[in-house]
């Protein structure tokens, strides 16, 4: 799918975008062209100065915003494959600035879909979040809307060779704004604030997130929301791994925040299939064609009352495992 193709990555200067582009450049047959579409010229400049991005003639740095339909249309000329990683994602900021998140995460997603259909793009994988399942905050609600848009795009493709799917996963270890960098920043003060002693979250490494997107691009039928089978952690265990000697006062859950996160709700269970390394939530409008997805992915249905949440997970990271991951990921 990526070999000798032309790829556009929205949000390409973010943690995930850089990891994905680095992986693409390392392929035996890398893409012919990679367009890094983002709105911050300083981040683009800084990225262009770093290995392996410096002096690479296959990279194009394209300033723009997904809110700007005309700019997306221009950026997508000749593009075969799109990975959509651009989003506003800070939960408190979304509660205070709701329509700004709607303009980027929802309207921006629809802009991308419509322009991609017009430009002859063949494949799109959009990044989602666990907060899109039964959302309790505005950010999660915008990402749920976005997920629905990319799933529905498969119903309006006509005769085009076009497929769009979504990958939904939990906290990316070490990504900007996540808990481990925050605790690392705070440990010098001797105090790590804990929102709730029983809070849990899903955990995925950046490399595993990249693996999943590349797998989805090669294997999607179109319309699936892919969910990885990944471990959970307890926030208290993360704090212990980062700084055992620090004080850990409980400060309370922030507005819009959940005690535990879900990636597949019980209401999603009838549409969900187990495909080995991942689950796939199939389009609810395609219930009659569930066999098509089961056959394509060699999958099986999940139990009627199935639910996948961070507190009922079969695998939890221990304090020592979290410590080892922090070291191996150079966090």
C-alpha atoms as a PDB file:
ATOM      1  CA  UNK A   1       0.000   0.000   0.000  1.00  0.00           C
ATOM      2  CA  UNK A   2       2.803   2.459   0.853  1.00  0.00           C
ATOM      3  CA  UNK A   3       5.434   1.285  -1.629  1.00  0.00           C
ATOM      4  CA  UNK A   4       6.133   3.919  -4.290  1.00  0.00           C
ATOM      5  CA  UNK A   5       2.898   5.730  -3.337  1.00  0.00           C
ATOM      6  CA  UNK A   6       2.201   9.357  -2.499  1.00  0.00           C
ATOM      7  CA  UNK A   7       1.187   9.815   1.130  1.00  0.00           C
ATOM      8  CA  UNK A   8      -0.239  12.776   3.047  1.00  0.00           C
ATOM      9  CA  UNK A   9      -0.121  12.890   6.868  1.00  0.00           C
ATOM     10  CA  UNK A  10      -2.277  15.528   8.562  1.00  0.00           C
ATOM     11  CA  UNK A  11      -0.778  16.604  11.860  1.00  0.00           C
ATOM     12  CA  UNK A  12       2.507  15.288  10.524  1.00  0.00           C
ATOM     13  CA  UNK A  13       4.713  17.234  12.960  1.00  0.00           C
ATOM     14  CA  UNK A  14       3.119  15.655  16.055  1.00  0.00           C
ATOM     15  CA  UNK A  15       4.528  12.737  18.044  1.00  0.00           C
ATOM     16  CA  UNK A  16       2.629  10.148  16.033  1.00  0.00           C
ATOM     17  CA  UNK A  17       3.164  11.842  12.682  1.00  0.00           C
ATOM     18  CA  UNK A  18       6.939  11.932  13.077  1.00  0.00           C
ATOM     19  CA  UNK A  19       7.053   8.290  14.226  1.00  0.00           C
ATOM     20  CA  UNK A  20       4.941   7.176  11.262  1.00  0.00           C
ATOM     21  CA  UNK A  21       6.938   9.173   8.717  1.00  0.00           C
ATOM     22  CA  UNK A  22      10.202   7.853  10.159  1.00  0.00           C
ATOM     23  CA  UNK A  23       8.874   4.317   9.705  1.00  0.00           C
ATOM     24  CA  UNK A  24       7.758   4.995   6.140  1.00  0.00           C
ATOM     25  CA  UNK A  25      11.190   6.346   5.236  1.00  0.00           C
ATOM     26  CA  UNK A  26      12.802   3.158   6.570  1.00  0.00           C
ATOM     27  CA  UNK A  27      10.784   0.831   4.302  1.00  0.00           C
ATOM     28  CA  UNK A  28      12.666  -1.101   1.627  1.00  0.00           C
ATOM     29  CA  UNK A  29      10.453   0.625  -0.935  1.00  0.00           C
ATOM     30  CA  UNK A  30       9.418   3.902   0.709  1.00  0.00           C
ATOM     31  CA  UNK A  31       6.699   6.197  -0.586  1.00  0.00           C
ATOM     32  CA  UNK A  32       7.647   8.294  -3.578  1.00  0.00           C
ATOM     33  CA  UNK A  33       6.384  11.433  -1.825  1.00  0.00           C
ATOM     34  CA  UNK A  34       5.265  12.213   1.740  1.00  0.00           C
ATOM     35  CA  UNK A  35       3.363  15.435   2.365  1.00  0.00           C
ATOM     36  CA  UNK A  36       3.499  16.736   5.947  1.00  0.00           C
ATOM     37  CA  UNK A  37       0.343  18.796   6.345  1.00  0.00           C
ATOM     38  CA  UNK A  38       0.221  20.939   9.484  1.00  0.00           C
ATOM     39  CA  UNK A  39      -0.346  24.527  10.580  1.00  0.00           C
ATOM     40  CA  UNK A  40       2.811  25.376  12.592  1.00  0.00           C
ATOM     41  CA  UNK A  41       5.721  26.515  10.459  1.00  0.00           C
ATOM     42  CA  UNK A  42       8.165  26.387  13.394  1.00  0.00           C
ATOM     43  CA  UNK A  43       7.434  22.712  14.052  1.00  0.00           C
ATOM     44  CA  UNK A  44       7.839  22.006  10.353  1.00  0.00           C
ATOM     45  CA  UNK A  45      11.203  23.772  10.316  1.00  0.00           C
ATOM     46  CA  UNK A  46      12.385  21.955  13.458  1.00  0.00           C
ATOM     47  CA  UNK A  47      11.309  18.622  11.988  1.00  0.00           C
ATOM     48  CA  UNK A  48      13.148  19.344   8.733  1.00  0.00           C
ATOM     49  CA  UNK A  49      16.363  19.788  10.741  1.00  0.00           C
ATOM     50  CA  UNK A  50      16.117  16.396  12.476  1.00  0.00           C
ATOM     51  CA  UNK A  51      17.241  12.959  11.338  1.00  0.00           C
ATOM     52  CA  UNK A  52      15.889  11.116   9.363  1.00  0.00           C
ATOM     53  CA  UNK A  53      13.879  14.023   7.927  1.00  0.00           C
ATOM     54  CA  UNK A  54      16.717  16.391   7.035  1.00  0.00           C
ATOM     55  CA  UNK A  55      17.867  16.448   3.401  1.00  0.00           C
ATOM     56  CA  UNK A  56      15.178  13.968   2.362  1.00  0.00           C
ATOM     57  CA  UNK A  57      13.878  14.940  -1.054  1.00  0.00           C
ATOM     58  CA  UNK A  58      10.733  12.823  -0.812  1.00  0.00           C
ATOM     59  CA  UNK A  59       9.313  15.028   1.972  1.00  0.00           C
ATOM     60  CA  UNK A  60       7.100  18.058   1.351  1.00  0.00           C
ATOM     61  CA  UNK A  61       6.196  20.462   4.147  1.00  0.00           C
ATOM     62  CA  UNK A  62       2.762  21.867   3.406  1.00  0.00           C
ATOM     63  CA  UNK A  63       1.395  24.600   5.665  1.00  0.00           C
ATOM     64  CA  UNK A  64      -2.342  24.460   6.133  1.00  0.00           C
ATOM     65  CA  UNK A  65      -5.266  23.737   8.414  1.00  0.00           C
ATOM     66  CA  UNK A  66      -7.912  21.038   7.982  1.00  0.00           C
ATOM     67  CA  UNK A  67     -10.494  23.785   8.536  1.00  0.00           C
ATOM     68  CA  UNK A  68      -9.423  25.300   5.193  1.00  0.00           C
ATOM     69  CA  UNK A  69     -11.064  23.209   2.493  1.00  0.00           C
ATOM     70  CA  UNK A  70      -9.285  24.926  -0.395  1.00  0.00           C
ATOM     71  CA  UNK A  71      -5.891  24.308   1.153  1.00  0.00           C
ATOM     72  CA  UNK A  72      -6.675  20.614   1.742  1.00  0.00           C
ATOM     73  CA  UNK A  73      -7.838  20.312  -1.863  1.00  0.00           C
ATOM     74  CA  UNK A  74      -4.505  21.687  -3.066  1.00  0.00           C
ATOM     75  CA  UNK A  75      -2.488  19.447  -0.729  1.00  0.00           C
ATOM     76  CA  UNK A  76      -4.298  16.280  -1.883  1.00  0.00           C
ATOM     77  CA  UNK A  77      -3.448  16.646  -5.569  1.00  0.00           C
ATOM     78  CA  UNK A  78      -1.944  13.335  -6.713  1.00  0.00           C
ATOM     79  CA  UNK A  79      -2.130  11.754  -3.252  1.00  0.00           C
ATOM     80  CA  UNK A  80      -2.911   8.017  -2.946  1.00  0.00           C
ATOM     81  CA  UNK A  81      -2.960   7.462   0.821  1.00  0.00           C
ATOM     82  CA  UNK A  82      -3.903   9.686   3.786  1.00  0.00           C
ATOM     83  CA  UNK A  83      -3.247   9.206   7.487  1.00  0.00           C
ATOM     84  CA  UNK A  84      -5.364  11.685   9.430  1.00  0.00           C
ATOM     85  CA  UNK A  85      -3.654  12.519  12.729  1.00  0.00           C
ATOM     86  CA  UNK A  86      -4.544  16.225  13.026  1.00  0.00           C
ATOM     87  CA  UNK A  87      -6.793  17.090  15.964  1.00  0.00           C
ATOM     88  CA  UNK A  88      -7.307  19.346  18.931  1.00  0.00           C
ATOM     89  CA  UNK A  89      -7.256  17.011  21.936  1.00  0.00           C
ATOM     90  CA  UNK A  90      -6.792  18.696  25.313  1.00  0.00           C
ATOM     91  CA  UNK A  91      -9.892  17.891  27.376  1.00  0.00           C
ATOM     92  CA  UNK A  92     -10.038  21.080  29.539  1.00  0.00           C
ATOM     93  CA  UNK A  93      -9.445  23.304  26.507  1.00  0.00           C
ATOM     94  CA  UNK A  94     -12.339  21.606  24.709  1.00  0.00           C
ATOM     95  CA  UNK A  95     -14.718  22.318  27.581  1.00  0.00           C
ATOM     96  CA  UNK A  96     -13.821  26.026  27.450  1.00  0.00           C
ATOM     97  CA  UNK A  97     -13.562  26.349  23.651  1.00  0.00           C
ATOM     98  CA  UNK A  98     -16.086  23.824  22.314  1.00  0.00           C
ATOM     99  CA  UNK A  99     -16.684  25.202  18.841  1.00  0.00           C
ATOM    100  CA  UNK A 100     -12.950  25.450  18.115  1.00  0.00           C
ATOM    101  CA  UNK A 101     -12.754  21.671  18.635  1.00  0.00           C
ATOM    102  CA  UNK A 102     -15.838  21.138  16.474  1.00  0.00           C
ATOM    103  CA  UNK A 103     -14.287  23.186  13.650  1.00  0.00           C
ATOM    104  CA  UNK A 104     -11.060  21.151  13.668  1.00  0.00           C
ATOM    105  CA  UNK A 105     -12.146  17.652  14.683  1.00  0.00           C
ATOM    106  CA  UNK A 106     -15.554  17.456  12.987  1.00  0.00           C
ATOM    107  CA  UNK A 107     -15.714  20.009  10.173  1.00  0.00           C
ATOM    108  CA  UNK A 108     -12.019  19.450   9.409  1.00  0.00           C
ATOM    109  CA  UNK A 109     -12.634  15.711   9.098  1.00  0.00           C
ATOM    110  CA  UNK A 110     -15.522  16.235   6.687  1.00  0.00           C
ATOM    111  CA  UNK A 111     -13.425  18.672   4.632  1.00  0.00           C
ATOM    112  CA  UNK A 112     -10.747  16.001   4.317  1.00  0.00           C
ATOM    113  CA  UNK A 113     -13.236  13.299   3.291  1.00  0.00           C
ATOM    114  CA  UNK A 114     -14.907  15.398   0.594  1.00  0.00           C
ATOM    115  CA  UNK A 115     -11.604  16.616  -0.850  1.00  0.00           C
ATOM    116  CA  UNK A 116     -10.135  13.102  -0.763  1.00  0.00           C
ATOM    117  CA  UNK A 117     -13.095  11.723  -2.724  1.00  0.00           C
ATOM    118  CA  UNK A 118     -12.707  14.480  -5.322  1.00  0.00           C
ATOM    119  CA  UNK A 119      -8.924  13.999  -5.564  1.00  0.00           C
ATOM    120  CA  UNK A 120      -9.020  10.223  -6.145  1.00  0.00           C
ATOM    121  CA  UNK A 121      -7.404   9.251  -2.825  1.00  0.00           C
ATOM    122  CA  UNK A 122      -7.599   5.471  -2.428  1.00  0.00           C
ATOM    123  CA  UNK A 123      -7.174   4.939   1.313  1.00  0.00           C
ATOM    124  CA  UNK A 124      -7.636   6.948   4.524  1.00  0.00           C
ATOM    125  CA  UNK A 125      -6.912   5.829   8.072  1.00  0.00           C
ATOM    126  CA  UNK A 126      -8.105   8.292  10.723  1.00  0.00           C
ATOM    127  CA  UNK A 127      -6.807   8.282  14.289  1.00  0.00           C
ATOM    128  CA  UNK A 128      -9.365   8.226  17.089  1.00  0.00           C
ATOM    129  CA  UNK A 129      -9.263   7.929  20.888  1.00  0.00           C
ATOM    130  CA  UNK A 130     -10.772   5.865  23.690  1.00  0.00           C
ATOM    131  CA  UNK A 131     -12.590   9.045  24.737  1.00  0.00           C
ATOM    132  CA  UNK A 132     -14.819   8.660  21.654  1.00  0.00           C
ATOM    133  CA  UNK A 133     -16.535   5.613  23.214  1.00  0.00           C
ATOM    134  CA  UNK A 134     -19.511   6.763  25.331  1.00  0.00           C
ATOM    135  CA  UNK A 135     -17.977  10.271  25.460  1.00  0.00           C
ATOM    136  CA  UNK A 136     -18.160  12.248  28.698  1.00  0.00           C
ATOM    137  CA  UNK A 137     -16.443  15.375  27.376  1.00  0.00           C
ATOM    138  CA  UNK A 138     -16.582  17.621  24.321  1.00  0.00           C
ATOM    139  CA  UNK A 139     -13.292  16.321  22.925  1.00  0.00           C
ATOM    140  CA  UNK A 140     -14.567  12.744  22.989  1.00  0.00           C
ATOM    141  CA  UNK A 141     -17.861  13.809  21.430  1.00  0.00           C
ATOM    142  CA  UNK A 142     -16.072  15.511  18.526  1.00  0.00           C
ATOM    143  CA  UNK A 143     -13.952  12.422  17.914  1.00  0.00           C
ATOM    144  CA  UNK A 144     -17.039  10.196  17.959  1.00  0.00           C
ATOM    145  CA  UNK A 145     -18.575  12.465  15.310  1.00  0.00           C
ATOM    146  CA  UNK A 146     -15.356  12.271  13.321  1.00  0.00           C
ATOM    147  CA  UNK A 147     -15.325   8.457  13.545  1.00  0.00           C
ATOM    148  CA  UNK A 148     -18.884   8.334  12.223  1.00  0.00           C
ATOM    149  CA  UNK A 149     -17.954  10.603   9.312  1.00  0.00           C
ATOM    150  CA  UNK A 150     -15.048   8.412   8.193  1.00  0.00           C
ATOM    151  CA  UNK A 151     -17.114   5.238   8.525  1.00  0.00           C
ATOM    152  CA  UNK A 152     -19.982   6.796   6.533  1.00  0.00           C
ATOM    153  CA  UNK A 153     -17.577   7.979   3.820  1.00  0.00           C
ATOM    154  CA  UNK A 154     -17.521   4.405   2.502  1.00  0.00           C
ATOM    155  CA  UNK A 155     -21.225   4.700   1.676  1.00  0.00           C
ATOM    156  CA  UNK A 156     -20.786   7.717  -0.609  1.00  0.00           C
ATOM    157  CA  UNK A 157     -17.747   6.618  -2.607  1.00  0.00           C
ATOM    158  CA  UNK A 158     -19.740   5.523  -5.658  1.00  0.00           C
ATOM    159  CA  UNK A 159     -17.552   3.516  -8.058  1.00  0.00           C
ATOM    160  CA  UNK A 160     -14.322   4.896  -6.657  1.00  0.00           C
ATOM    161  CA  UNK A 161     -11.522   2.651  -5.373  1.00  0.00           C
ATOM    162  CA  UNK A 162     -11.777   4.267  -1.941  1.00  0.00           C
ATOM    163  CA  UNK A 163     -11.688   2.908   1.605  1.00  0.00           C
ATOM    164  CA  UNK A 164     -11.710   4.765   4.912  1.00  0.00           C
ATOM    165  CA  UNK A 165     -11.310   3.259   8.372  1.00  0.00           C
ATOM    166  CA  UNK A 166     -10.539   4.400  11.911  1.00  0.00           C
ATOM    167  CA  UNK A 167      -8.051   3.239  14.535  1.00  0.00           C
ATOM    168  CA  UNK A 168      -9.062   3.824  18.144  1.00  0.00           C
ATOM    169  CA  UNK A 169      -6.604   3.344  20.991  1.00  0.00           C
ATOM    170  CA  UNK A 170      -5.778   4.577  24.484  1.00  0.00           C
ATOM    171  CA  UNK A 171      -3.066   6.844  25.875  1.00  0.00           C
ATOM    172  CA  UNK A 172       0.072   6.840  23.749  1.00  0.00           C
ATOM    173  CA  UNK A 173       2.986   6.425  26.126  1.00  0.00           C
ATOM    174  CA  UNK A 174       5.000   9.626  26.260  1.00  0.00           C
ATOM    175  CA  UNK A 175       2.876  11.649  23.835  1.00  0.00           C
ATOM    176  CA  UNK A 176       2.529  15.356  24.450  1.00  0.00           C
ATOM    177  CA  UNK A 177       0.037  16.137  27.204  1.00  0.00           C
ATOM    178  CA  UNK A 178      -0.085  12.552  28.529  1.00  0.00           C
ATOM    179  CA  UNK A 179       0.414  11.542  32.157  1.00  0.00           C
ATOM    180  CA  UNK A 180       4.003  10.227  32.119  1.00  0.00           C
ATOM    181  CA  UNK A 181       5.630  13.419  30.730  1.00  0.00           C
ATOM    182  CA  UNK A 182       3.491  15.380  33.200  1.00  0.00           C
ATOM    183  CA  UNK A 183       4.710  13.283  36.137  1.00  0.00           C
ATOM    184  CA  UNK A 184       8.296  13.533  34.878  1.00  0.00           C
ATOM    185  CA  UNK A 185       7.956  17.317  34.821  1.00  0.00           C
ATOM    186  CA  UNK A 186       6.442  17.407  38.330  1.00  0.00           C
ATOM    187  CA  UNK A 187       8.715  14.967  40.131  1.00  0.00           C
ATOM    188  CA  UNK A 188      11.323  17.658  40.793  1.00  0.00           C
ATOM    189  CA  UNK A 189       8.772  19.316  43.077  1.00  0.00           C
ATOM    190  CA  UNK A 190       8.423  16.134  45.135  1.00  0.00           C
ATOM    191  CA  UNK A 191       4.656  16.061  44.537  1.00  0.00           C
ATOM    192  CA  UNK A 192       2.714  14.077  41.924  1.00  0.00           C
ATOM    193  CA  UNK A 193      -0.994  15.055  41.974  1.00  0.00           C
ATOM    194  CA  UNK A 194      -3.343  12.069  41.579  1.00  0.00           C
ATOM    195  CA  UNK A 195      -6.826  12.687  40.211  1.00  0.00           C
ATOM    196  CA  UNK A 196      -8.304   9.518  41.750  1.00  0.00           C
ATOM    197  CA  UNK A 197      -6.584   6.538  43.417  1.00  0.00           C
ATOM    198  CA  UNK A 198      -8.651   3.999  41.424  1.00  0.00           C
ATOM    199  CA  UNK A 199      -8.273   5.644  38.003  1.00  0.00           C
ATOM    200  CA  UNK A 200      -7.178   3.365  35.133  1.00  0.00           C
ATOM    201  CA  UNK A 201      -6.202   3.971  31.524  1.00  0.00           C
ATOM    202  CA  UNK A 202      -5.254   1.945  28.440  1.00  0.00           C
ATOM    203  CA  UNK A 203      -1.623   2.145  27.343  1.00  0.00           C
ATOM    204  CA  UNK A 204      -0.008   1.815  23.922  1.00  0.00           C
ATOM    205  CA  UNK A 205       3.515   2.619  22.786  1.00  0.00           C
ATOM    206  CA  UNK A 206       4.156   4.921  19.848  1.00  0.00           C
ATOM    207  CA  UNK A 207       5.653   2.053  17.832  1.00  0.00           C
ATOM    208  CA  UNK A 208       2.597  -0.122  18.428  1.00  0.00           C
ATOM    209  CA  UNK A 209       0.360   2.759  17.337  1.00  0.00           C
ATOM    210  CA  UNK A 210       2.338   3.083  14.094  1.00  0.00           C
ATOM    211  CA  UNK A 211       2.211  -0.706  13.568  1.00  0.00           C
ATOM    212  CA  UNK A 212      -1.564  -0.602  13.923  1.00  0.00           C
ATOM    213  CA  UNK A 213      -2.066   2.187  11.392  1.00  0.00           C
ATOM    214  CA  UNK A 214       0.146   0.465   8.838  1.00  0.00           C
ATOM    215  CA  UNK A 215      -1.641  -2.847   9.420  1.00  0.00           C
ATOM    216  CA  UNK A 216      -5.042  -1.161   9.054  1.00  0.00           C
ATOM    217  CA  UNK A 217      -4.001   0.502   5.802  1.00  0.00           C
ATOM    218  CA  UNK A 218      -3.039  -2.877   4.321  1.00  0.00           C
ATOM    219  CA  UNK A 219      -5.950  -4.921   5.689  1.00  0.00           C
ATOM    220  CA  UNK A 220      -9.045  -2.744   6.009  1.00  0.00           C
ATOM    221  CA  UNK A 221     -12.174  -3.504   4.068  1.00  0.00           C
ATOM    222  CA  UNK A 222     -13.487   0.011   4.730  1.00  0.00           C
ATOM    223  CA  UNK A 223     -15.727   1.246   7.518  1.00  0.00           C
ATOM    224  CA  UNK A 224     -14.129  -0.588  10.432  1.00  0.00           C
ATOM    225  CA  UNK A 225     -13.118   1.038  13.714  1.00  0.00           C
ATOM    226  CA  UNK A 226     -10.074  -1.000  14.746  1.00  0.00           C
ATOM    227  CA  UNK A 227      -9.309  -1.376  18.458  1.00  0.00           C
ATOM    228  CA  UNK A 228      -6.054  -2.955  19.720  1.00  0.00           C
ATOM    229  CA  UNK A 229      -5.742  -5.488  22.525  1.00  0.00           C
ATOM    230  CA  UNK A 230      -3.460  -3.535  24.849  1.00  0.00           C
ATOM    231  CA  UNK A 231      -2.751  -3.457  28.598  1.00  0.00           C
ATOM    232  CA  UNK A 232      -4.138  -1.051  31.171  1.00  0.00           C
ATOM    233  CA  UNK A 233      -2.367   0.711  34.024  1.00  0.00           C
ATOM    234  CA  UNK A 234      -3.411   2.264  37.288  1.00  0.00           C
ATOM    235  CA  UNK A 235      -2.523   5.941  37.649  1.00  0.00           C
ATOM    236  CA  UNK A 236      -1.109   5.286  41.119  1.00  0.00           C
ATOM    237  CA  UNK A 237       1.213   2.638  39.653  1.00  0.00           C
ATOM    238  CA  UNK A 238       2.443   5.116  37.036  1.00  0.00           C
ATOM    239  CA  UNK A 239       3.186   7.660  39.769  1.00  0.00           C
ATOM    240  CA  UNK A 240       5.036   4.993  41.753  1.00  0.00           C
ATOM    241  CA  UNK A 241       7.107   4.020  38.722  1.00  0.00           C
ATOM    242  CA  UNK A 242       8.065   7.640  37.975  1.00  0.00           C
ATOM    243  CA  UNK A 243       8.862   8.750  41.541  1.00  0.00           C
ATOM    244  CA  UNK A 244       8.408   6.280  44.442  1.00  0.00           C
ATOM    245  CA  UNK A 245       9.477   8.839  47.042  1.00  0.00           C
ATOM    246  CA  UNK A 246       7.165  11.641  45.872  1.00  0.00           C
ATOM    247  CA  UNK A 247       4.034  12.656  47.740  1.00  0.00           C
ATOM    248  CA  UNK A 248       0.870  11.664  45.886  1.00  0.00           C
ATOM    249  CA  UNK A 249      -2.055  13.822  47.047  1.00  0.00           C
ATOM    250  CA  UNK A 250      -5.502  13.135  45.556  1.00  0.00           C
ATOM    251  CA  UNK A 251      -6.733  16.315  43.825  1.00  0.00           C
ATOM    252  CA  UNK A 252      -9.960  15.074  42.198  1.00  0.00           C
ATOM    253  CA  UNK A 253     -11.084  14.256  38.677  1.00  0.00           C
ATOM    254  CA  UNK A 254     -11.054  17.133  36.186  1.00  0.00           C
ATOM    255  CA  UNK A 255     -14.255  18.270  34.463  1.00  0.00           C
ATOM    256  CA  UNK A 256     -15.121  15.929  31.602  1.00  0.00           C
ATOM    257  CA  UNK A 257     -12.760  13.203  32.769  1.00  0.00           C
ATOM    258  CA  UNK A 258     -13.752   9.559  33.384  1.00  0.00           C
ATOM    259  CA  UNK A 259     -12.580   7.254  36.158  1.00  0.00           C
ATOM    260  CA  UNK A 260     -12.052   4.505  33.559  1.00  0.00           C
ATOM    261  CA  UNK A 261     -11.947   4.630  29.770  1.00  0.00           C
ATOM    262  CA  UNK A 262     -13.840   2.418  27.316  1.00  0.00           C
ATOM    263  CA  UNK A 263     -12.877   1.496  23.789  1.00  0.00           C
ATOM    264  CA  UNK A 264     -15.813  -0.788  23.019  1.00  0.00           C
ATOM    265  CA  UNK A 265     -19.140  -0.279  24.777  1.00  0.00           C
ATOM    266  CA  UNK A 266     -21.815  -2.926  25.335  1.00  0.00           C
ATOM    267  CA  UNK A 267     -23.959  -1.254  22.721  1.00  0.00           C
ATOM    268  CA  UNK A 268     -21.090  -1.758  20.237  1.00  0.00           C
ATOM    269  CA  UNK A 269     -20.878  -5.510  21.002  1.00  0.00           C
ATOM    270  CA  UNK A 270     -23.382  -6.692  18.347  1.00  0.00           C
ATOM    271  CA  UNK A 271     -21.252  -4.987  15.668  1.00  0.00           C
ATOM    272  CA  UNK A 272     -17.856  -6.043  17.047  1.00  0.00           C
ATOM    273  CA  UNK A 273     -15.683  -8.899  15.829  1.00  0.00           C
ATOM    274  CA  UNK A 274     -12.475 -10.368  17.241  1.00  0.00           C
ATOM    275  CA  UNK A 275      -9.787 -10.493  14.542  1.00  0.00           C
ATOM    276  CA  UNK A 276      -6.772 -11.660  16.561  1.00  0.00           C
ATOM    277  CA  UNK A 277      -4.459  -8.805  17.517  1.00  0.00           C
ATOM    278  CA  UNK A 278      -7.334  -6.360  17.228  1.00  0.00           C
ATOM    279  CA  UNK A 279     -11.077  -5.971  17.531  1.00  0.00           C
ATOM    280  CA  UNK A 280     -13.052  -4.352  14.734  1.00  0.00           C
ATOM    281  CA  UNK A 281     -16.306  -2.467  15.232  1.00  0.00           C
ATOM    282  CA  UNK A 282     -18.103  -2.903  11.921  1.00  0.00           C
ATOM    283  CA  UNK A 283     -20.499  -0.298  10.480  1.00  0.00           C
ATOM    284  CA  UNK A 284     -23.867  -0.431  12.220  1.00  0.00           C
ATOM    285  CA  UNK A 285     -25.513   0.256   8.859  1.00  0.00           C
ATOM    286  CA  UNK A 286     -23.998  -2.940   7.475  1.00  0.00           C
ATOM    287  CA  UNK A 287     -25.381  -5.467   9.973  1.00  0.00           C
ATOM    288  CA  UNK A 288     -26.709  -7.564   7.130  1.00  0.00           C
ATOM    289  CA  UNK A 289     -23.195  -7.863   5.730  1.00  0.00           C
ATOM    290  CA  UNK A 290     -21.408  -8.848   8.965  1.00  0.00           C
ATOM    291  CA  UNK A 291     -20.331 -12.048   7.195  1.00  0.00           C
ATOM    292  CA  UNK A 292     -18.351  -9.918   4.738  1.00  0.00           C
ATOM    293  CA  UNK A 293     -16.193  -8.491   7.544  1.00  0.00           C
ATOM    294  CA  UNK A 294     -15.925 -11.841   9.363  1.00  0.00           C
ATOM    295  CA  UNK A 295     -14.702 -13.486   6.191  1.00  0.00           C
ATOM    296  CA  UNK A 296     -12.326 -10.714   5.174  1.00  0.00           C
ATOM    297  CA  UNK A 297     -10.625 -10.610   8.595  1.00  0.00           C
ATOM    298  CA  UNK A 298     -11.070 -14.306   9.468  1.00  0.00           C
ATOM    299  CA  UNK A 299     -12.829 -13.061  12.617  1.00  0.00           C
ATOM    300  CA  UNK A 300     -15.407 -14.232  15.103  1.00  0.00           C
ATOM    301  CA  UNK A 301     -18.207 -12.427  16.897  1.00  0.00           C
ATOM    302  CA  UNK A 302     -17.811 -11.340  20.535  1.00  0.00           C
ATOM    303  CA  UNK A 303     -20.234 -12.186  23.380  1.00  0.00           C
ATOM    304  CA  UNK A 304     -23.506 -10.276  23.493  1.00  0.00           C
ATOM    305  CA  UNK A 305     -22.597  -8.412  26.702  1.00  0.00           C
ATOM    306  CA  UNK A 306     -18.998  -7.753  25.672  1.00  0.00           C
ATOM    307  CA  UNK A 307     -17.393  -4.528  26.886  1.00  0.00           C
ATOM    308  CA  UNK A 308     -13.763  -3.452  26.634  1.00  0.00           C
ATOM    309  CA  UNK A 309     -12.812  -0.909  29.281  1.00  0.00           C
ATOM    310  CA  UNK A 310      -9.598  -0.075  31.103  1.00  0.00           C
ATOM    311  CA  UNK A 311     -10.838  -1.399  34.459  1.00  0.00           C
ATOM    312  CA  UNK A 312     -12.051  -4.815  33.228  1.00  0.00           C
ATOM    313  CA  UNK A 313      -8.985  -5.514  31.106  1.00  0.00           C
ATOM    314  CA  UNK A 314      -7.330  -8.929  31.397  1.00  0.00           C
ATOM    315  CA  UNK A 315      -3.835  -7.397  31.365  1.00  0.00           C
ATOM    316  CA  UNK A 316      -2.505  -4.701  33.724  1.00  0.00           C
ATOM    317  CA  UNK A 317       1.030  -3.334  33.719  1.00  0.00           C
ATOM    318  CA  UNK A 318       2.865  -3.689  37.023  1.00  0.00           C
ATOM    319  CA  UNK A 319       4.988  -0.908  38.515  1.00  0.00           C
ATOM    320  CA  UNK A 320       8.165  -2.656  37.352  1.00  0.00           C
ATOM    321  CA  UNK A 321       6.780  -3.130  33.826  1.00  0.00           C
ATOM    322  CA  UNK A 322       5.856   0.556  33.651  1.00  0.00           C
ATOM    323  CA  UNK A 323       9.380   1.473  34.821  1.00  0.00           C
ATOM    324  CA  UNK A 324      10.916  -0.744  32.167  1.00  0.00           C
ATOM    325  CA  UNK A 325       8.735   0.794  29.459  1.00  0.00           C
ATOM    326  CA  UNK A 326       9.646   4.316  30.566  1.00  0.00           C
ATOM    327  CA  UNK A 327      13.330   3.409  30.221  1.00  0.00           C
ATOM    328  CA  UNK A 328      12.974   1.582  26.903  1.00  0.00           C
ATOM    329  CA  UNK A 329      10.934   4.449  25.432  1.00  0.00           C
ATOM    330  CA  UNK A 330      13.496   7.011  26.708  1.00  0.00           C
ATOM    331  CA  UNK A 331      10.827   8.996  28.541  1.00  0.00           C
END
